[in-house]
Amino acid sequence: MNNSIEIGESVRHYYSQVLQSSNDLKTSACCSIDAMPEYLKTLLRELHPEVLERFYGCGSPLPPALEGKTVLDLGCGTGRDCYLLATLVGPNGRVIGVDMTPEQLEIAVRHRDWHARRFGYANVDFLHGHIENLSVIGIADNSIDVVVSNCVINLSPEKPKVLAEIFRVLKPGGELYFSDVFADRRIPALLRQDPVLLGECLGGALYWEDFRRIVQSLACPDVRVVKQSPISLDDPDVAAKIGMVKFRSVTVRAFKMPLEDRCEDYGQVACYLGTIAEFPHAFDLDDHHHFETGRPLRVCGNTADMLTASRYGQHFRVLGDKSRHFGLFDCSPGPQGESAAAGGSCC
């Protein structure tokens, strides 16, 4: 049995047999740092209690402006986020949940009709499969508007394949929006195979620079950090094993579109129109692009493209084009460094 299969079986066993609820997790690493906004908390009350009880994430890394879109949830578990997404995409949208754990999917599928009656429409499909090979379960090229994932990519033993599949299935202009655990160094091989560390989303955590290199090789040279927070290892056994590594929970967004590998200045200005229903006063593209409604903000060429060539285009007015170049845009340090300077930029 090869190493990838062994790791996959270890993860499946942990999530199907060891964990019975999120209370059984030894750390908070598997929990998204995105505090659930009030509009999602309201929707959460409409979901079946068993779906909520057997869901192993927390927070909610779900982006806005999803009405009518097709959204793919990788590692959907019992389907909590899928059913939240069902209400966000509406009757004209579609949600696809993928998971490799039959025990989790059985709960999700069992309550599908219950949610359809509750919402007044059925727009969710659950597929049993591996996120490393989405073509096997019939997900076509350029067919998905948004891919989401809640602390699942770290569980895969073949992360380059997962990321390659994501960018294969995304439509041009589509968005990857996910939360996961990242490490400040490469995890030693022995610890990457530890069942508890794997199940707690630590053993498989990617070194951020390796993640950046992988997505760059997939023609995605500019990924954005939306939020990040350090993870404390409060369980003494876990800390004894892997306490030398610093972990961070990071919410990331990336777009499938031609972008430059540096933030270039073309003298462009973007203005948020305030038209995303849940965000009437401001919209955050990332951790240092805070767009107040009606207030212009200087942006680099990549940011301008993200705002105009994605589904966010209808919610922004961008002035200027790329006919005149002014050199590099002022860039902040990467996500492992200091926070962006005031009025800063994109990296």
Protein backbone atom coordinates (compact mmCIF):
# COMPACT_ATOMS: atom_id res chain seq x y z
CA MET A 1 0.00 0.00 0.00
CA ASN A 2 1.59 3.29 -1.05
CA ASN A 3 2.02 6.23 1.28
CA SER A 4 -0.77 8.35 -0.23
CA ILE A 5 -3.32 5.56 0.20
CA GLU A 6 -2.20 4.96 3.79
CA ILE A 7 -2.54 8.64 4.65
CA GLY A 8 -5.95 8.82 2.98
CA GLU A 9 -7.16 5.79 4.94
CA SER A 10 -5.82 7.28 8.16
CA VAL A 11 -7.73 10.52 7.59
CA ARG A 12 -10.92 8.67 6.61
CA HIS A 13 -10.73 6.53 9.77
CA TYR A 14 -10.15 9.59 12.00
CA TYR A 15 -13.17 11.43 10.62
CA SER A 16 -15.49 8.43 10.42
CA GLN A 17 -14.59 6.47 13.56
CA VAL A 18 -12.55 8.57 16.01
CA LEU A 19 -14.50 11.82 15.84
CA GLN A 20 -18.17 11.83 16.75
CA SER A 21 -18.58 15.62 16.93
CA SER A 22 -16.42 18.74 16.72
CA ASN A 23 -16.06 18.52 20.52
CA ASP A 24 -13.75 15.52 20.02
CA LEU A 25 -11.12 17.60 18.23
CA LYS A 26 -7.94 18.07 20.29
CA THR A 27 -7.05 21.46 18.77
CA SER A 28 -8.80 24.36 17.07
CA ALA A 29 -6.68 23.96 13.94
CA CYS A 30 -9.55 22.42 11.95
CA CYS A 31 -11.72 25.46 12.64
CA SER A 32 -11.88 28.35 10.21
CA ILE A 33 -10.91 31.73 11.66
CA ASP A 34 -13.80 33.32 9.81
CA ALA A 35 -16.29 34.19 12.51
CA MET A 36 -19.72 33.43 11.15
CA PRO A 37 -21.52 36.66 10.18
CA GLU A 38 -25.02 37.30 11.43
CA TYR A 39 -26.72 36.65 8.11
CA LEU A 40 -25.24 33.13 8.06
CA LYS A 41 -26.10 32.50 11.70
CA THR A 42 -29.72 33.18 10.78
CA LEU A 43 -29.53 30.66 7.95
CA LEU A 44 -27.83 28.13 10.23
CA ARG A 45 -31.02 27.86 12.27
CA GLU A 46 -32.74 26.38 9.21
CA LEU A 47 -30.40 23.37 8.99
CA HIS A 48 -31.03 19.89 10.34
CA PRO A 49 -29.57 19.36 13.86
CA GLU A 50 -27.67 16.19 12.92
CA VAL A 51 -25.92 17.97 10.03
CA LEU A 52 -24.74 20.63 12.46
CA GLU A 53 -23.73 18.19 15.21
CA ARG A 54 -21.52 16.01 12.99
CA PHE A 55 -19.82 18.90 11.18
CA TYR A 56 -16.13 19.15 12.15
CA GLY A 57 -15.33 22.70 11.11
CA CYS A 58 -16.32 26.00 12.63
CA GLY A 59 -16.58 29.51 11.31
CA SER A 60 -17.66 29.81 7.72
CA PRO A 61 -15.26 30.53 4.84
CA LEU A 62 -18.01 31.36 2.36
CA PRO A 63 -17.63 34.36 0.05
CA PRO A 64 -20.51 36.65 -0.94
CA ALA A 65 -22.24 37.39 -4.26
CA LEU A 66 -23.17 33.78 -5.03
CA GLU A 67 -26.73 34.04 -6.33
CA GLY A 68 -27.27 31.86 -9.38
CA LYS A 69 -23.71 30.45 -9.24
CA THR A 70 -22.39 26.89 -9.25
CA VAL A 71 -20.33 26.26 -6.12
CA LEU A 72 -18.15 23.24 -5.34
CA ASP A 73 -17.44 22.38 -1.68
CA LEU A 74 -14.36 20.17 -1.27
CA GLY A 75 -14.50 17.91 1.77
CA CYS A 76 -18.12 18.75 2.48
CA GLY A 77 -18.54 16.27 5.35
CA THR A 78 -22.13 16.18 6.57
CA GLY A 79 -23.03 19.05 4.26
CA ARG A 80 -23.41 22.00 6.62
CA ASP A 81 -21.72 24.49 4.30
CA CYS A 82 -23.43 22.95 1.27
CA TYR A 83 -26.85 23.63 2.78
CA LEU A 84 -25.80 27.15 3.74
CA LEU A 85 -24.60 27.65 0.17
CA ALA A 86 -27.90 26.28 -1.15
CA THR A 87 -29.66 29.30 0.32
CA LEU A 88 -26.97 31.70 -0.93
CA VAL A 89 -26.98 30.53 -4.56
CA GLY A 90 -30.78 30.32 -4.57
CA PRO A 91 -33.06 28.19 -6.77
CA ASN A 92 -31.18 29.13 -9.95
CA GLY A 93 -27.81 28.10 -8.54
CA ARG A 94 -26.24 24.73 -7.83
CA VAL A 95 -24.10 23.31 -5.01
CA ILE A 96 -21.91 20.22 -5.31
CA GLY A 97 -20.39 18.63 -2.22
CA VAL A 98 -17.52 16.14 -2.51
CA ASP A 99 -16.20 13.94 0.30
CA MET A 100 -14.27 10.67 0.58
CA THR A 101 -15.90 9.56 3.85
CA PRO A 102 -19.08 7.51 3.27
CA GLU A 103 -20.16 7.85 6.90
CA GLN A 104 -20.18 11.64 6.61
CA LEU A 105 -21.87 11.69 3.21
CA GLU A 106 -24.60 9.34 4.42
CA ILE A 107 -25.71 11.99 6.90
CA ALA A 108 -25.58 14.73 4.25
CA VAL A 109 -27.60 12.72 1.72
CA ARG A 110 -30.12 11.46 4.28
CA HIS A 111 -31.24 15.03 5.03
CA ARG A 112 -31.23 16.35 1.45
CA ASP A 113 -34.99 16.00 0.95
CA TRP A 114 -35.60 17.51 4.38
CA HIS A 115 -33.68 20.64 3.37
CA ALA A 116 -35.34 20.77 -0.05
CA ARG A 117 -38.73 20.91 1.63
CA ARG A 118 -37.42 23.51 4.06
CA PHE A 119 -36.02 25.76 1.32
CA GLY A 120 -38.70 25.13 -1.28
CA TYR A 121 -36.22 23.90 -3.92
CA ALA A 122 -33.54 21.23 -4.42
CA ASN A 123 -30.16 22.40 -5.70
CA VAL A 124 -27.57 20.28 -3.81
CA ASP A 125 -25.76 17.16 -5.02
CA PHE A 126 -23.33 15.07 -2.98
CA LEU A 127 -20.61 13.01 -4.65
CA HIS A 128 -18.41 10.35 -3.09
CA GLY A 129 -14.89 10.78 -4.36
CA HIS A 130 -11.40 12.11 -3.87
CA ILE A 131 -10.63 15.80 -4.30
CA GLU A 132 -7.38 14.85 -6.05
CA ASN A 133 -9.32 13.52 -9.06
CA LEU A 134 -12.58 15.34 -9.65
CA SER A 135 -12.87 14.18 -13.25
CA VAL A 136 -13.64 10.63 -12.05
CA ILE A 137 -16.85 11.89 -10.45
CA GLY A 138 -17.82 13.88 -13.51
CA ILE A 139 -16.82 17.47 -12.71
CA ALA A 140 -15.93 18.99 -16.06
CA ASP A 141 -13.37 21.59 -17.09
CA ASN A 142 -14.43 25.23 -16.65
CA SER A 143 -17.75 24.28 -15.02
CA ILE A 144 -17.53 25.82 -11.53
CA ASP A 145 -17.95 29.46 -10.52
CA VAL A 146 -16.58 29.17 -6.98
CA VAL A 147 -14.66 26.46 -5.11
CA VAL A 148 -14.76 26.53 -1.32
CA SER A 149 -13.08 24.36 1.29
CA ASN A 150 -13.03 24.46 5.08
CA CYS A 151 -9.71 23.11 6.39
CA VAL A 152 -9.60 20.09 4.08
CA ILE A 153 -6.79 20.59 1.56
CA ASN A 154 -4.22 19.98 4.31
CA LEU A 155 -5.67 16.47 4.74
CA SER A 156 -4.75 15.47 1.19
CA PRO A 157 -1.46 13.63 0.63
CA GLU A 158 -1.36 15.01 -2.93
CA LYS A 159 -1.96 18.73 -2.59
CA PRO A 160 -0.53 19.73 -6.00
CA LYS A 161 -3.12 17.44 -7.62
CA VAL A 162 -5.92 18.99 -5.56
CA LEU A 163 -4.94 22.51 -6.53
CA ALA A 164 -4.49 21.53 -10.18
CA GLU A 165 -7.99 20.03 -10.18
CA ILE A 166 -9.43 23.19 -8.65
CA PHE A 167 -8.02 25.39 -11.39
CA ARG A 168 -9.10 22.87 -14.02
CA VAL A 169 -12.75 22.93 -12.98
CA LEU A 170 -12.99 26.67 -12.28
CA LYS A 171 -14.45 28.83 -15.02
CA PRO A 172 -12.30 31.72 -16.29
CA GLY A 173 -12.79 34.45 -13.71
CA GLY A 174 -13.84 31.88 -11.11
CA GLU A 175 -12.74 32.04 -7.49
CA LEU A 176 -11.07 29.68 -5.05
CA TYR A 177 -11.98 30.71 -1.49
CA PHE A 178 -10.80 28.48 1.33
CA SER A 179 -9.53 28.34 4.89
CA ASP A 180 -6.70 26.04 5.90
CA VAL A 181 -3.71 25.53 8.17
CA PHE A 182 -0.26 26.62 7.04
CA ALA A 183 3.11 25.98 8.66
CA ASP A 184 6.22 28.15 8.94
CA ARG A 185 8.37 25.25 7.72
CA ARG A 186 8.11 21.85 6.02
CA ILE A 187 6.75 19.22 8.40
CA PRO A 188 9.14 16.27 9.03
CA ALA A 189 8.12 13.13 7.15
CA LEU A 190 7.43 11.04 10.26
CA LEU A 191 5.03 13.66 11.66
CA ARG A 192 3.24 13.95 8.31
CA GLN A 193 2.10 10.33 8.84
CA ASP A 194 0.99 10.64 12.47
CA PRO A 195 -2.77 9.79 12.56
CA VAL A 196 -3.67 12.31 15.27
CA LEU A 197 -1.61 15.15 13.78
CA LEU A 198 -3.13 14.41 10.36
CA GLY A 199 -6.67 14.32 11.70
CA GLU A 200 -6.12 17.52 13.66
CA CYS A 201 -5.07 19.32 10.43
CA LEU A 202 -1.47 19.82 11.58
CA GLY A 203 0.57 16.96 10.11
CA GLY A 204 -0.47 17.80 6.56
CA ALA A 205 -0.20 21.57 6.84
CA LEU A 206 1.56 23.14 3.87
CA TYR A 207 4.58 25.38 4.24
CA TRP A 208 3.25 28.70 2.87
CA GLU A 209 6.09 29.15 0.38
CA ASP A 210 5.49 25.69 -1.06
CA PHE A 211 1.80 26.57 -1.47
CA ARG A 212 2.77 29.78 -3.26
CA ARG A 213 5.07 27.86 -5.60
CA ILE A 214 2.40 25.27 -6.39
CA VAL A 215 -0.25 27.80 -7.36
CA GLN A 216 2.30 29.85 -9.29
CA SER A 217 3.06 26.75 -11.37
CA LEU A 218 -0.69 26.58 -12.09
CA ALA A 219 -0.65 30.08 -13.63
CA CYS A 220 -1.92 31.73 -10.44
CA PRO A 221 0.88 34.11 -9.44
CA ASP A 222 -1.15 36.30 -7.06
CA VAL A 223 -3.07 34.75 -4.15
CA ARG A 224 -4.63 36.95 -1.49
CA VAL A 225 -4.82 36.45 2.26
CA VAL A 226 -8.22 37.47 3.58
CA LYS A 227 -7.56 36.68 7.25
CA GLN A 228 -4.93 34.89 9.30
CA SER A 229 -4.42 33.98 12.92
CA PRO A 230 -1.88 31.94 14.91
CA ILE A 231 -2.93 28.51 16.17
CA SER A 232 -2.05 27.57 19.73
CA LEU A 233 -1.23 23.94 20.52
CA ASP A 234 -3.08 23.60 23.81
CA ASP A 235 -3.11 19.79 23.93
CA PRO A 236 0.13 18.73 25.70
CA ASP A 237 0.57 15.53 23.68
CA VAL A 238 0.20 17.41 20.40
CA ALA A 239 2.57 20.15 21.55
CA ALA A 240 5.17 17.58 22.60
CA LYS A 241 5.16 16.09 19.11
CA ILE A 242 5.11 19.17 16.91
CA GLY A 243 5.57 22.20 19.14
CA MET A 244 8.62 23.40 17.19
CA VAL A 245 6.38 24.33 14.23
CA LYS A 246 4.38 27.55 14.17
CA PHE A 247 0.96 27.14 12.58
CA ARG A 248 -1.44 29.73 11.24
CA SER A 249 -5.03 29.47 10.14
CA VAL A 250 -5.35 31.39 6.88
CA THR A 251 -8.31 32.25 4.69
CA VAL A 252 -7.21 32.60 1.07
CA ARG A 253 -8.82 33.74 -2.15
CA ALA A 254 -7.44 33.26 -5.64
CA PHE A 255 -8.86 33.78 -9.11
CA LYS A 256 -8.51 31.87 -12.36
CA MET A 257 -7.45 34.68 -14.66
CA PRO A 258 -4.29 36.03 -16.30
CA LEU A 259 -2.40 38.02 -13.67
CA GLU A 260 1.11 39.40 -13.36
CA ASP A 261 3.62 37.99 -10.88
CA ARG A 262 4.15 41.42 -9.34
CA CYS A 263 1.78 44.22 -8.45
CA GLU A 264 2.16 46.76 -11.25
CA ASP A 265 0.92 50.35 -11.14
CA TYR A 266 -1.27 51.57 -14.01
CA GLY A 267 -2.81 54.49 -12.17
CA GLN A 268 -6.11 52.67 -11.65
CA VAL A 269 -8.73 53.49 -9.03
CA ALA A 270 -11.54 51.23 -7.80
CA CYS A 271 -14.79 52.22 -6.11
CA TYR A 272 -17.17 49.79 -4.39
CA LEU A 273 -20.82 50.45 -5.21
CA GLY A 274 -22.25 48.94 -2.04
CA THR A 275 -24.46 46.58 -4.02
CA ILE A 276 -23.59 43.24 -2.34
CA ALA A 277 -26.64 42.83 -0.11
CA GLU A 278 -24.79 41.51 2.93
CA PHE A 279 -22.13 44.23 2.72
CA PRO A 280 -23.83 47.59 2.11
CA HIS A 281 -21.13 49.73 3.74
CA ALA A 282 -17.83 48.09 2.82
CA PHE A 283 -16.25 45.05 1.16
CA ASP A 284 -12.88 43.47 1.99
CA LEU A 285 -11.12 41.86 -0.94
CA ASP A 286 -8.27 40.78 1.31
CA ASP A 287 -6.58 41.79 4.56
CA HIS A 288 -5.45 45.15 3.20
CA HIS A 289 -8.00 46.11 0.55
CA HIS A 290 -10.91 47.56 2.49
CA PHE A 291 -13.33 49.21 0.07
CA GLU A 292 -15.72 51.64 1.71
CA THR A 293 -18.86 52.18 -0.32
CA GLY A 294 -18.37 55.14 -2.64
CA ARG A 295 -14.78 55.83 -1.56
CA PRO A 296 -12.16 55.47 -4.34
CA LEU A 297 -9.02 53.44 -3.62
CA ARG A 298 -5.84 53.17 -5.67
CA VAL A 299 -5.28 49.60 -6.87
CA CYS A 300 -2.66 47.69 -8.81
CA GLY A 301 -3.39 46.07 -12.15
CA ASN A 302 -3.98 42.64 -10.61
CA THR A 303 -6.52 43.97 -8.14
CA ALA A 304 -8.31 45.87 -10.88
CA ASP A 305 -8.53 42.66 -12.91
CA MET A 306 -9.81 40.67 -9.91
CA LEU A 307 -12.58 43.19 -9.44
CA THR A 308 -13.59 43.54 -13.08
CA ALA A 309 -13.03 40.05 -14.57
CA SER A 310 -14.79 38.12 -11.81
CA ARG A 311 -18.38 38.00 -10.55
CA TYR A 312 -17.55 41.07 -8.45
CA GLY A 313 -17.40 43.20 -11.59
CA GLN A 314 -20.99 44.40 -11.32
CA HIS A 315 -20.31 45.68 -7.81
CA PHE A 316 -17.32 47.90 -8.64
CA ARG A 317 -16.45 50.82 -10.85
CA VAL A 318 -12.79 50.78 -11.92
CA LEU A 319 -11.29 53.85 -13.56
CA GLY A 320 -8.27 53.60 -15.82
CA ASP A 321 -6.79 50.89 -18.01
CA LYS A 322 -3.34 49.46 -18.68
CA SER A 323 -2.34 51.80 -21.48
CA ARG A 324 0.10 53.66 -19.24
CA HIS A 325 2.51 52.04 -16.79
CA PHE A 326 4.02 53.70 -13.71
CA GLY A 327 6.26 50.90 -12.45
CA LEU A 328 5.77 48.65 -9.45
CA PHE A 329 2.87 49.26 -7.12
CA ASP A 330 3.90 49.67 -3.47
CA CYS A 331 3.78 46.12 -2.08
CA SER A 332 3.44 44.90 1.49
CA PRO A 333 5.26 41.82 2.85
CA GLY A 334 3.86 38.33 2.25
CA PRO A 335 1.32 36.62 4.50
CA GLN A 336 3.96 35.32 6.92
CA GLY A 337 5.28 38.82 7.53
CA GLU A 338 3.96 42.07 8.90
CA SER A 339 0.51 43.39 8.10
CA ALA A 340 0.14 45.66 5.11
CA ALA A 341 1.06 49.27 5.41
CA ALA A 342 -1.72 51.82 5.46
CA GLY A 343 -2.98 52.47 1.98
CA GLY A 344 -0.76 49.59 0.84
CA SER A 345 -1.31 47.17 -1.94
CA CYS A 346 -1.69 43.62 -3.01
CA CYS A 347 0.98 41.10 -2.14
